[in-house]
Amino acid sequence: MTSSQSLSHPSLASFAKTVSNWAYNKISNSLDIQQFGNNRATSTSHYLISFLDIIHSHLDKRNTSLAVAFVYFRKAFDLVDHTVVINKAISLGFPSHLTT
């Protein structure tokens, strides 16, 4: 059985959603309001609108220059040391039985 098949079971899918909701509620106060990706009710489209607003507001000012750098993090989470993520979860108050 693959991991995607195991989560297709209604009980496990419901449990996964419950844990996901609990975890989101636990860390939502720690999230930067400027984080748009992987945050409920926001998307990268919201980021684009915010970004364009920042650009336009700076360009409307006189004697203002603007420099923009774009960085693409392909599969960035795959490159993160997962022990760092687990330690961060513990520091945010996640119970040890969910992080060990």
PDB file of N, CA and C in Angstrom:
ATOM      1  N   MET A   1       0.839  -1.172   0.000  1.00  0.00           N
ATOM      2  CA  MET A   1       0.000   0.000   0.000  1.00  0.00           C
ATOM      3  C   MET A   1       0.892   1.245   0.000  1.00  0.00           C
ATOM      4  N   THR A   2       0.590   2.185  -0.887  1.00  0.00           N
ATOM      5  CA  THR A   2       1.368   3.420  -0.934  1.00  0.00           C
ATOM      6  C   THR A   2       0.811   4.424   0.065  1.00  0.00           C
ATOM      7  N   SER A   3       1.594   5.466   0.324  1.00  0.00           N
ATOM      8  CA  SER A   3       1.141   6.477   1.286  1.00  0.00           C
ATOM      9  C   SER A   3      -0.104   7.190   0.784  1.00  0.00           C
ATOM     10  N   SER A   4      -0.232   7.396  -0.533  1.00  0.00           N
ATOM     11  CA  SER A   4      -1.428   8.061  -1.048  1.00  0.00           C
ATOM     12  C   SER A   4      -2.651   7.165  -0.922  1.00  0.00           C
ATOM     13  N   GLN A   5      -2.463   5.841  -1.053  1.00  0.00           N
ATOM     14  CA  GLN A   5      -3.583   4.928  -0.867  1.00  0.00           C
ATOM     15  C   GLN A   5      -4.018   4.893   0.590  1.00  0.00           C
ATOM     16  N   SER A   6      -3.069   4.935   1.510  1.00  0.00           N
ATOM     17  CA  SER A   6      -3.432   4.868   2.919  1.00  0.00           C
ATOM     18  C   SER A   6      -4.204   6.108   3.344  1.00  0.00           C
ATOM     19  N   LEU A   7      -3.882   7.273   2.781  1.00  0.00           N
ATOM     20  CA  LEU A   7      -4.610   8.490   3.130  1.00  0.00           C
ATOM     21  C   LEU A   7      -5.958   8.579   2.432  1.00  0.00           C
ATOM     22  N   SER A   8      -6.209   7.689   1.459  1.00  0.00           N
ATOM     23  CA  SER A   8      -7.500   7.713   0.794  1.00  0.00           C
ATOM     24  C   SER A   8      -8.581   7.060   1.653  1.00  0.00           C
ATOM     25  N   HIS A   9      -8.186   6.337   2.684  1.00  0.00           N
ATOM     26  CA  HIS A   9      -9.165   5.760   3.601  1.00  0.00           C
ATOM     27  C   HIS A   9      -9.847   6.907   4.339  1.00  0.00           C
ATOM     28  N   PRO A  10     -11.189   6.912   4.377  1.00  0.00           N
ATOM     29  CA  PRO A  10     -11.912   8.047   4.980  1.00  0.00           C
ATOM     30  C   PRO A  10     -11.484   8.379   6.411  1.00  0.00           C
ATOM     31  N   SER A  11     -11.237   7.373   7.229  1.00  0.00           N
ATOM     32  CA  SER A  11     -10.847   7.644   8.618  1.00  0.00           C
ATOM     33  C   SER A  11      -9.493   8.330   8.686  1.00  0.00           C
ATOM     34  N   LEU A  12      -8.536   7.858   7.882  1.00  0.00           N
ATOM     35  CA  LEU A  12      -7.205   8.455   7.893  1.00  0.00           C
ATOM     36  C   LEU A  12      -7.216   9.852   7.287  1.00  0.00           C
ATOM     37  N   ALA A  13      -8.002  10.040   6.244  1.00  0.00           N
ATOM     38  CA  ALA A  13      -8.097  11.365   5.636  1.00  0.00           C
ATOM     39  C   ALA A  13      -8.693  12.356   6.629  1.00  0.00           C
ATOM     40  N   SER A  14      -9.697  11.927   7.360  1.00  0.00           N
ATOM     41  CA  SER A  14     -10.315  12.784   8.373  1.00  0.00           C
ATOM     42  C   SER A  14      -9.329  13.106   9.490  1.00  0.00           C
ATOM     43  N   PHE A  15      -8.574  12.093   9.927  1.00  0.00           N
ATOM     44  CA  PHE A  15      -7.575  12.299  10.974  1.00  0.00           C
ATOM     45  C   PHE A  15      -6.491  13.266  10.496  1.00  0.00           C
ATOM     46  N   ALA A  16      -6.026  13.081   9.257  1.00  0.00           N
ATOM     47  CA  ALA A  16      -4.992  13.956   8.700  1.00  0.00           C
ATOM     48  C   ALA A  16      -5.486  15.397   8.634  1.00  0.00           C
ATOM     49  N   LYS A  17      -6.750  15.581   8.262  1.00  0.00           N
ATOM     50  CA  LYS A  17      -7.312  16.930   8.203  1.00  0.00           C
ATOM     51  C   LYS A  17      -7.412  17.534   9.601  1.00  0.00           C
ATOM     52  N   THR A  18      -7.790  16.730  10.578  1.00  0.00           N
ATOM     53  CA  THR A  18      -7.883  17.206  11.960  1.00  0.00           C
ATOM     54  C   THR A  18      -6.517  17.643  12.469  1.00  0.00           C
ATOM     55  N   VAL A  19      -5.502  16.829  12.233  1.00  0.00           N
ATOM     56  CA  VAL A  19      -4.143  17.172  12.667  1.00  0.00           C
ATOM     57  C   VAL A  19      -3.660  18.421  11.933  1.00  0.00           C
ATOM     58  N   SER A  20      -3.948  18.510  10.648  1.00  0.00           N
ATOM     59  CA  SER A  20      -3.545  19.679   9.866  1.00  0.00           C
ATOM     60  C   SER A  20      -4.200  20.948  10.404  1.00  0.00           C
ATOM     61  N   ASN A  21      -5.493  20.884  10.692  1.00  0.00           N
ATOM     62  CA  ASN A  21      -6.199  22.047  11.250  1.00  0.00           C
ATOM     63  C   ASN A  21      -5.631  22.433  12.607  1.00  0.00           C
ATOM     64  N   TRP A  22      -5.373  21.438  13.441  1.00  0.00           N
ATOM     65  CA  TRP A  22      -4.810  21.705  14.771  1.00  0.00           C
ATOM     66  C   TRP A  22      -3.446  22.379  14.646  1.00  0.00           C
ATOM     67  N   ALA A  23      -2.593  21.831  13.766  1.00  0.00           N
ATOM     68  CA  ALA A  23      -1.245  22.379  13.591  1.00  0.00           C
ATOM     69  C   ALA A  23      -1.311  23.804  13.049  1.00  0.00           C
ATOM     70  N   TYR A  24      -2.199  24.039  12.096  1.00  0.00           N
ATOM     71  CA  TYR A  24      -2.326  25.388  11.538  1.00  0.00           C
ATOM     72  C   TYR A  24      -2.759  26.374  12.621  1.00  0.00           C
ATOM     73  N   ASN A  25      -3.744  25.992  13.422  1.00  0.00           N
ATOM     74  CA  ASN A  25      -4.197  26.873  14.501  1.00  0.00           C
ATOM     75  C   ASN A  25      -3.087  27.124  15.514  1.00  0.00           C
ATOM     76  N   LYS A  26      -2.243  26.129  15.725  1.00  0.00           N
ATOM     77  CA  LYS A  26      -1.147  26.254  16.689  1.00  0.00           C
ATOM     78  C   LYS A  26      -0.090  27.256  16.217  1.00  0.00           C
ATOM     79  N   ILE A  27       0.205  27.258  14.918  1.00  0.00           N
ATOM     80  CA  ILE A  27       1.293  28.104  14.419  1.00  0.00           C
ATOM     81  C   ILE A  27       0.819  29.360  13.696  1.00  0.00           C
ATOM     82  N   SER A  28      -0.469  29.516  13.461  1.00  0.00           N
ATOM     83  CA  SER A  28      -0.945  30.640  12.646  1.00  0.00           C
ATOM     84  C   SER A  28      -0.544  31.996  13.218  1.00  0.00           C
ATOM     85  N   ASN A  29      -0.461  32.119  14.534  1.00  0.00           N
ATOM     86  CA  ASN A  29      -0.046  33.391  15.132  1.00  0.00           C
ATOM     87  C   ASN A  29       1.424  33.689  14.887  1.00  0.00           C
ATOM     88  N   SER A  30       2.205  32.660  14.557  1.00  0.00           N
ATOM     89  CA  SER A  30       3.643  32.836  14.326  1.00  0.00           C
ATOM     90  C   SER A  30       3.974  33.127  12.868  1.00  0.00           C
ATOM     91  N   LEU A  31       2.995  32.993  11.975  1.00  0.00           N
ATOM     92  CA  LEU A  31       3.251  33.196  10.553  1.00  0.00           C
ATOM     93  C   LEU A  31       3.321  34.681  10.225  1.00  0.00           C
ATOM     94  N   ASP A  32       4.233  35.021   9.360  1.00  0.00           N
ATOM     95  CA  ASP A  32       4.367  36.394   8.893  1.00  0.00           C
ATOM     96  C   ASP A  32       3.154  36.736   8.033  1.00  0.00           C
ATOM     97  N   ILE A  33       2.566  37.916   8.242  1.00  0.00           N
ATOM     98  CA  ILE A  33       1.396  38.294   7.448  1.00  0.00           C
ATOM     99  C   ILE A  33       1.754  38.488   5.980  1.00  0.00           C
ATOM    100  N   GLN A  34       3.037  38.607   5.683  1.00  0.00           N
ATOM    101  CA  GLN A  34       3.486  38.733   4.301  1.00  0.00           C
ATOM    102  C   GLN A  34       3.704  37.378   3.638  1.00  0.00           C
ATOM    103  N   GLN A  35       3.450  36.282   4.345  1.00  0.00           N
ATOM    104  CA  GLN A  35       3.589  34.950   3.753  1.00  0.00           C
ATOM    105  C   GLN A  35       2.284  34.602   3.060  1.00  0.00           C
ATOM    106  N   PHE A  36       2.341  34.412   1.761  1.00  0.00           N
ATOM    107  CA  PHE A  36       1.133  34.156   1.003  1.00  0.00           C
ATOM    108  C   PHE A  36       1.010  32.702   0.568  1.00  0.00           C
ATOM    109  N   GLY A  37       2.100  32.071   0.187  1.00  0.00           N
ATOM    110  CA  GLY A  37       2.040  30.676  -0.231  1.00  0.00           C
ATOM    111  C   GLY A  37       1.857  29.755   0.959  1.00  0.00           C
ATOM    112  N   ASN A  38       1.113  28.691   0.775  1.00  0.00           N
ATOM    113  CA  ASN A  38       0.868  27.685   1.814  1.00  0.00           C
ATOM    114  C   ASN A  38       0.258  28.281   3.072  1.00  0.00           C
ATOM    115  N   ASN A  39      -0.580  29.273   2.903  1.00  0.00           N
ATOM    116  CA  ASN A  39      -1.267  29.892   4.020  1.00  0.00           C
ATOM    117  C   ASN A  39      -2.738  29.994   3.640  1.00  0.00           C
ATOM    118  N   ARG A  40      -3.614  29.620   4.531  1.00  0.00           N
ATOM    119  CA  ARG A  40      -5.045  29.596   4.222  1.00  0.00           C
ATOM    120  C   ARG A  40      -5.543  30.948   3.746  1.00  0.00           C
ATOM    121  N   ALA A  41      -6.426  30.886   2.777  1.00  0.00           N
ATOM    122  CA  ALA A  41      -7.103  32.053   2.206  1.00  0.00           C
ATOM    123  C   ALA A  41      -6.143  33.000   1.489  1.00  0.00           C
ATOM    124  N   THR A  42      -4.940  32.552   1.194  1.00  0.00           N
ATOM    125  CA  THR A  42      -3.997  33.353   0.414  1.00  0.00           C
ATOM    126  C   THR A  42      -3.344  32.456  -0.632  1.00  0.00           C
ATOM    127  N   SER A  43      -2.748  33.092  -1.596  1.00  0.00           N
ATOM    128  CA  SER A  43      -2.054  32.326  -2.627  1.00  0.00           C
ATOM    129  C   SER A  43      -0.938  33.188  -3.193  1.00  0.00           C
ATOM    130  N   THR A  44      -0.216  32.626  -4.119  1.00  0.00           N
ATOM    131  CA  THR A  44       0.834  33.402  -4.761  1.00  0.00           C
ATOM    132  C   THR A  44       0.227  34.524  -5.599  1.00  0.00           C
ATOM    133  N   SER A  45      -1.035  34.388  -6.013  1.00  0.00           N
ATOM    134  CA  SER A  45      -1.714  35.488  -6.715  1.00  0.00           C
ATOM    135  C   SER A  45      -1.886  36.684  -5.788  1.00  0.00           C
ATOM    136  N   HIS A  46      -2.201  36.422  -4.525  1.00  0.00           N
ATOM    137  CA  HIS A  46      -2.294  37.504  -3.542  1.00  0.00           C
ATOM    138  C   HIS A  46      -0.937  38.190  -3.381  1.00  0.00           C
ATOM    139  N   TYR A  47       0.112  37.388  -3.391  1.00  0.00           N
ATOM    140  CA  TYR A  47       1.461  37.962  -3.295  1.00  0.00           C
ATOM    141  C   TYR A  47       1.739  38.862  -4.487  1.00  0.00           C
ATOM    142  N   LEU A  48       1.378  38.412  -5.675  1.00  0.00           N
ATOM    143  CA  LEU A  48       1.620  39.201  -6.881  1.00  0.00           C
ATOM    144  C   LEU A  48       0.907  40.549  -6.792  1.00  0.00           C
ATOM    145  N   ILE A  49      -0.327  40.551  -6.319  1.00  0.00           N
ATOM    146  CA  ILE A  49      -1.076  41.804  -6.169  1.00  0.00           C
ATOM    147  C   ILE A  49      -0.382  42.714  -5.161  1.00  0.00           C
ATOM    148  N   SER A  50       0.038  42.157  -4.036  1.00  0.00           N
ATOM    149  CA  SER A  50       0.746  42.937  -3.023  1.00  0.00           C
ATOM    150  C   SER A  50       2.064  43.475  -3.578  1.00  0.00           C
ATOM    151  N   PHE A  51       2.778  42.638  -4.296  1.00  0.00           N
ATOM    152  CA  PHE A  51       4.060  43.030  -4.890  1.00  0.00           C
ATOM    153  C   PHE A  51       3.876  44.176  -5.884  1.00  0.00           C
ATOM    154  N   LEU A  52       2.869  44.058  -6.751  1.00  0.00           N
ATOM    155  CA  LEU A  52       2.610  45.120  -7.724  1.00  0.00           C
ATOM    156  C   LEU A  52       2.192  46.417  -7.038  1.00  0.00           C
ATOM    157  N   ASP A  53       1.446  46.301  -5.946  1.00  0.00           N
ATOM    158  CA  ASP A  53       1.058  47.484  -5.178  1.00  0.00           C
ATOM    159  C   ASP A  53       2.293  48.191  -4.616  1.00  0.00           C
ATOM    160  N   ILE A  54       3.234  47.416  -4.099  1.00  0.00           N
ATOM    161  CA  ILE A  54       4.478  47.995  -3.573  1.00  0.00           C
ATOM    162  C   ILE A  54       5.253  48.696  -4.690  1.00  0.00           C
ATOM    163  N   ILE A  55       5.354  48.051  -5.838  1.00  0.00           N
ATOM    164  CA  ILE A  55       6.070  48.647  -6.967  1.00  0.00           C
ATOM    165  C   ILE A  55       5.410  49.954  -7.387  1.00  0.00           C
ATOM    166  N   HIS A  56       4.094  49.919  -7.566  1.00  0.00           N
ATOM    167  CA  HIS A  56       3.389  51.125  -8.014  1.00  0.00           C
ATOM    168  C   HIS A  56       3.481  52.254  -6.990  1.00  0.00           C
ATOM    169  N   SER A  57       3.381  51.932  -5.716  1.00  0.00           N
ATOM    170  CA  SER A  57       3.462  52.988  -4.697  1.00  0.00           C
ATOM    171  C   SER A  57       4.855  53.620  -4.672  1.00  0.00           C
ATOM    172  N   HIS A  58       5.905  52.828  -4.913  1.00  0.00           N
ATOM    173  CA  HIS A  58       7.262  53.392  -4.968  1.00  0.00           C
ATOM    174  C   HIS A  58       7.476  54.208  -6.241  1.00  0.00           C
ATOM    175  N   LEU A  59       6.932  53.736  -7.341  1.00  0.00           N
ATOM    176  CA  LEU A  59       7.118  54.456  -8.599  1.00  0.00           C
ATOM    177  C   LEU A  59       6.325  55.757  -8.634  1.00  0.00           C
ATOM    178  N   ASP A  60       5.263  55.849  -7.840  1.00  0.00           N
ATOM    179  CA  ASP A  60       4.482  57.085  -7.768  1.00  0.00           C
ATOM    180  C   ASP A  60       5.232  58.194  -7.040  1.00  0.00           C
ATOM    181  N   LYS A  61       6.207  57.843  -6.229  1.00  0.00           N
ATOM    182  CA  LYS A  61       6.990  58.837  -5.495  1.00  0.00           C
ATOM    183  C   LYS A  61       8.046  59.436  -6.418  1.00  0.00           C
ATOM    184  N   ARG A  62       8.331  60.697  -6.208  1.00  0.00           N
ATOM    185  CA  ARG A  62       9.365  61.358  -7.014  1.00  0.00           C
ATOM    186  C   ARG A  62      10.749  60.983  -6.483  1.00  0.00           C
ATOM    187  N   ASN A  63      11.715  60.992  -7.367  1.00  0.00           N
ATOM    188  CA  ASN A  63      13.114  60.723  -7.017  1.00  0.00           C
ATOM    189  C   ASN A  63      13.294  59.391  -6.293  1.00  0.00           C
ATOM    190  N   THR A  64      12.567  58.404  -6.729  1.00  0.00           N
ATOM    191  CA  THR A  64      12.653  57.083  -6.116  1.00  0.00           C
ATOM    192  C   THR A  64      13.140  56.084  -7.151  1.00  0.00           C
ATOM    193  N   SER A  65      14.076  55.269  -6.752  1.00  0.00           N
ATOM    194  CA  SER A  65      14.507  54.182  -7.627  1.00  0.00           C
ATOM    195  C   SER A  65      14.077  52.870  -6.988  1.00  0.00           C
ATOM    196  N   LEU A  66      13.971  51.871  -7.806  1.00  0.00           N
ATOM    197  CA  LEU A  66      13.485  50.587  -7.322  1.00  0.00           C
ATOM    198  C   LEU A  66      14.290  49.474  -7.977  1.00  0.00           C
ATOM    199  N   ALA A  67      14.782  48.567  -7.179  1.00  0.00           N
ATOM    200  CA  ALA A  67      15.499  47.395  -7.692  1.00  0.00           C
ATOM    201  C   ALA A  67      14.765  46.153  -7.209  1.00  0.00           C
ATOM    202  N   VAL A  68      14.625  45.190  -8.079  1.00  0.00           N
ATOM    203  CA  VAL A  68      13.908  43.963  -7.748  1.00  0.00           C
ATOM    204  C   VAL A  68      14.791  42.774  -8.105  1.00  0.00           C
ATOM    205  N   ALA A  69      14.870  41.817  -7.205  1.00  0.00           N
ATOM    206  CA  ALA A  69      15.600  40.573  -7.472  1.00  0.00           C
ATOM    207  C   ALA A  69      14.632  39.413  -7.298  1.00  0.00           C
ATOM    208  N   PHE A  70      14.587  38.536  -8.258  1.00  0.00           N
ATOM    209  CA  PHE A  70      13.733  37.360  -8.184  1.00  0.00           C
ATOM    210  C   PHE A  70      14.599  36.136  -7.915  1.00  0.00           C
ATOM    211  N   VAL A  71      14.206  35.358  -6.938  1.00  0.00           N
ATOM    212  CA  VAL A  71      14.924  34.135  -6.591  1.00  0.00           C
ATOM    213  C   VAL A  71      13.926  32.988  -6.649  1.00  0.00           C
ATOM    214  N   TYR A  72      14.289  31.939  -7.343  1.00  0.00           N
ATOM    215  CA  TYR A  72      13.408  30.782  -7.483  1.00  0.00           C
ATOM    216  C   TYR A  72      13.942  29.646  -6.614  1.00  0.00           C
ATOM    217  N   PHE A  73      13.146  29.230  -5.655  1.00  0.00           N
ATOM    218  CA  PHE A  73      13.533  28.139  -4.765  1.00  0.00           C
ATOM    219  C   PHE A  73      12.797  26.876  -5.205  1.00  0.00           C
ATOM    220  N   ARG A  74      13.410  26.122  -6.085  1.00  0.00           N
ATOM    221  CA  ARG A  74      12.794  24.904  -6.586  1.00  0.00           C
ATOM    222  C   ARG A  74      12.857  23.827  -5.515  1.00  0.00           C
ATOM    223  N   LYS A  75      11.687  23.318  -5.163  1.00  0.00           N
ATOM    224  CA  LYS A  75      11.579  22.262  -4.152  1.00  0.00           C
ATOM    225  C   LYS A  75      12.370  22.621  -2.898  1.00  0.00           C
ATOM    226  N   ALA A  76      12.206  23.835  -2.452  1.00  0.00           N
ATOM    227  CA  ALA A  76      12.992  24.324  -1.315  1.00  0.00           C
ATOM    228  C   ALA A  76      12.780  23.474  -0.070  1.00  0.00           C
ATOM    229  N   PHE A  77      11.555  23.028   0.174  1.00  0.00           N
ATOM    230  CA  PHE A  77      11.306  22.253   1.386  1.00  0.00           C
ATOM    231  C   PHE A  77      12.049  20.923   1.351  1.00  0.00           C
ATOM    232  N   ASP A  78      12.258  20.368   0.159  1.00  0.00           N
ATOM    233  CA  ASP A  78      12.993  19.107   0.053  1.00  0.00           C
ATOM    234  C   ASP A  78      14.448  19.266   0.482  1.00  0.00           C
ATOM    235  N   LEU A  79      14.953  20.487   0.465  1.00  0.00           N
ATOM    236  CA  LEU A  79      16.343  20.737   0.816  1.00  0.00           C
ATOM    237  C   LEU A  79      16.527  21.095   2.288  1.00  0.00           C
ATOM    238  N   VAL A  80      15.427  21.235   3.017  1.00  0.00           N
ATOM    239  CA  VAL A  80      15.487  21.614   4.426  1.00  0.00           C
ATOM    240  C   VAL A  80      15.816  20.391   5.271  1.00  0.00           C
ATOM    241  N   ASP A  81      16.705  20.557   6.223  1.00  0.00           N
ATOM    242  CA  ASP A  81      17.005  19.494   7.182  1.00  0.00           C
ATOM    243  C   ASP A  81      15.763  19.308   8.055  1.00  0.00           C
ATOM    244  N   HIS A  82      15.148  18.145   7.975  1.00  0.00           N
ATOM    245  CA  HIS A  82      13.881  17.925   8.667  1.00  0.00           C
ATOM    246  C   HIS A  82      14.017  17.953  10.186  1.00  0.00           C
ATOM    247  N   THR A  83      15.205  17.735  10.703  1.00  0.00           N
ATOM    248  CA  THR A  83      15.373  17.863  12.158  1.00  0.00           C
ATOM    249  C   THR A  83      15.203  19.320  12.582  1.00  0.00           C
ATOM    250  N   VAL A  84      15.568  20.252  11.704  1.00  0.00           N
ATOM    251  CA  VAL A  84      15.359  21.675  11.991  1.00  0.00           C
ATOM    252  C   VAL A  84      13.861  21.966  12.066  1.00  0.00           C
ATOM    253  N   VAL A  85      13.098  21.393  11.142  1.00  0.00           N
ATOM    254  CA  VAL A  85      11.645  21.591  11.132  1.00  0.00           C
ATOM    255  C   VAL A  85      11.021  21.002  12.391  1.00  0.00           C
ATOM    256  N   ILE A  86      11.443  19.814  12.767  1.00  0.00           N
ATOM    257  CA  ILE A  86      10.906  19.173  13.973  1.00  0.00           C
ATOM    258  C   ILE A  86      11.263  19.987  15.212  1.00  0.00           C
ATOM    259  N   ASN A  87      12.493  20.459  15.303  1.00  0.00           N
ATOM    260  CA  ASN A  87      12.889  21.289  16.449  1.00  0.00           C
ATOM    261  C   ASN A  87      12.096  22.589  16.497  1.00  0.00           C
ATOM    262  N   LYS A  88      11.809  23.166  15.335  1.00  0.00           N
ATOM    263  CA  LYS A  88      11.000  24.386  15.290  1.00  0.00           C
ATOM    264  C   LYS A  88       9.580  24.082  15.763  1.00  0.00           C
ATOM    265  N   ALA A  89       9.028  22.947  15.341  1.00  0.00           N
ATOM    266  CA  ALA A  89       7.685  22.558  15.780  1.00  0.00           C
ATOM    267  C   ALA A  89       7.639  22.396  17.293  1.00  0.00           C
ATOM    268  N   ILE A  90       8.671  21.793  17.856  1.00  0.00           N
ATOM    269  CA  ILE A  90       8.743  21.627  19.315  1.00  0.00           C
ATOM    270  C   ILE A  90       8.809  22.992  19.989  1.00  0.00           C
ATOM    271  N   SER A  91       9.608  23.907  19.435  1.00  0.00           N
ATOM    272  CA  SER A  91       9.721  25.242  20.043  1.00  0.00           C
ATOM    273  C   SER A  91       8.419  26.029  19.935  1.00  0.00           C
ATOM    274  N   LEU A  92       7.570  25.682  18.962  1.00  0.00           N
ATOM    275  CA  LEU A  92       6.270  26.335  18.825  1.00  0.00           C
ATOM    276  C   LEU A  92       5.208  25.705  19.712  1.00  0.00           C
ATOM    277  N   GLY A  93       5.593  24.639  20.431  1.00  0.00           N
ATOM    278  CA  GLY A  93       4.669  24.031  21.375  1.00  0.00           C
ATOM    279  C   GLY A  93       3.975  22.772  20.903  1.00  0.00           C
ATOM    280  N   PHE A  94       4.439  22.190  19.794  1.00  0.00           N
ATOM    281  CA  PHE A  94       3.850  20.933  19.357  1.00  0.00           C
ATOM    282  C   PHE A  94       4.174  19.858  20.387  1.00  0.00           C
ATOM    283  N   PRO A  95       3.223  18.999  20.708  1.00  0.00           N
ATOM    284  CA  PRO A  95       3.486  17.934  21.676  1.00  0.00           C
ATOM    285  C   PRO A  95       4.560  16.971  21.162  1.00  0.00           C
ATOM    286  N   SER A  96       5.349  16.449  22.063  1.00  0.00           N
ATOM    287  CA  SER A  96       6.450  15.571  21.668  1.00  0.00           C
ATOM    288  C   SER A  96       5.955  14.295  20.991  1.00  0.00           C
ATOM    289  N   HIS A  97       4.750  13.827  21.329  1.00  0.00           N
ATOM    290  CA  HIS A  97       4.265  12.599  20.683  1.00  0.00           C
ATOM    291  C   HIS A  97       3.931  12.816  19.204  1.00  0.00           C
ATOM    292  N   LEU A  98       3.840  14.062  18.751  1.00  0.00           N
ATOM    293  CA  LEU A  98       3.634  14.333  17.332  1.00  0.00           C
ATOM    294  C   LEU A  98       4.937  14.638  16.608  1.00  0.00           C
ATOM    295  N   THR A  99       5.997  14.852  17.354  1.00  0.00           N
ATOM    296  CA  THR A  99       7.259  15.252  16.728  1.00  0.00           C
ATOM    297  C   THR A  99       8.376  14.233  16.887  1.00  0.00           C
ATOM    298  N   THR A 100       8.111  13.118  17.546  1.00  0.00           N
ATOM    299  CA  THR A 100       9.147  12.097  17.696  1.00  0.00           C
ATOM    300  C   THR A 100       8.734  10.818  17.022  1.00  0.00           C
TER     301      THR A 100
END
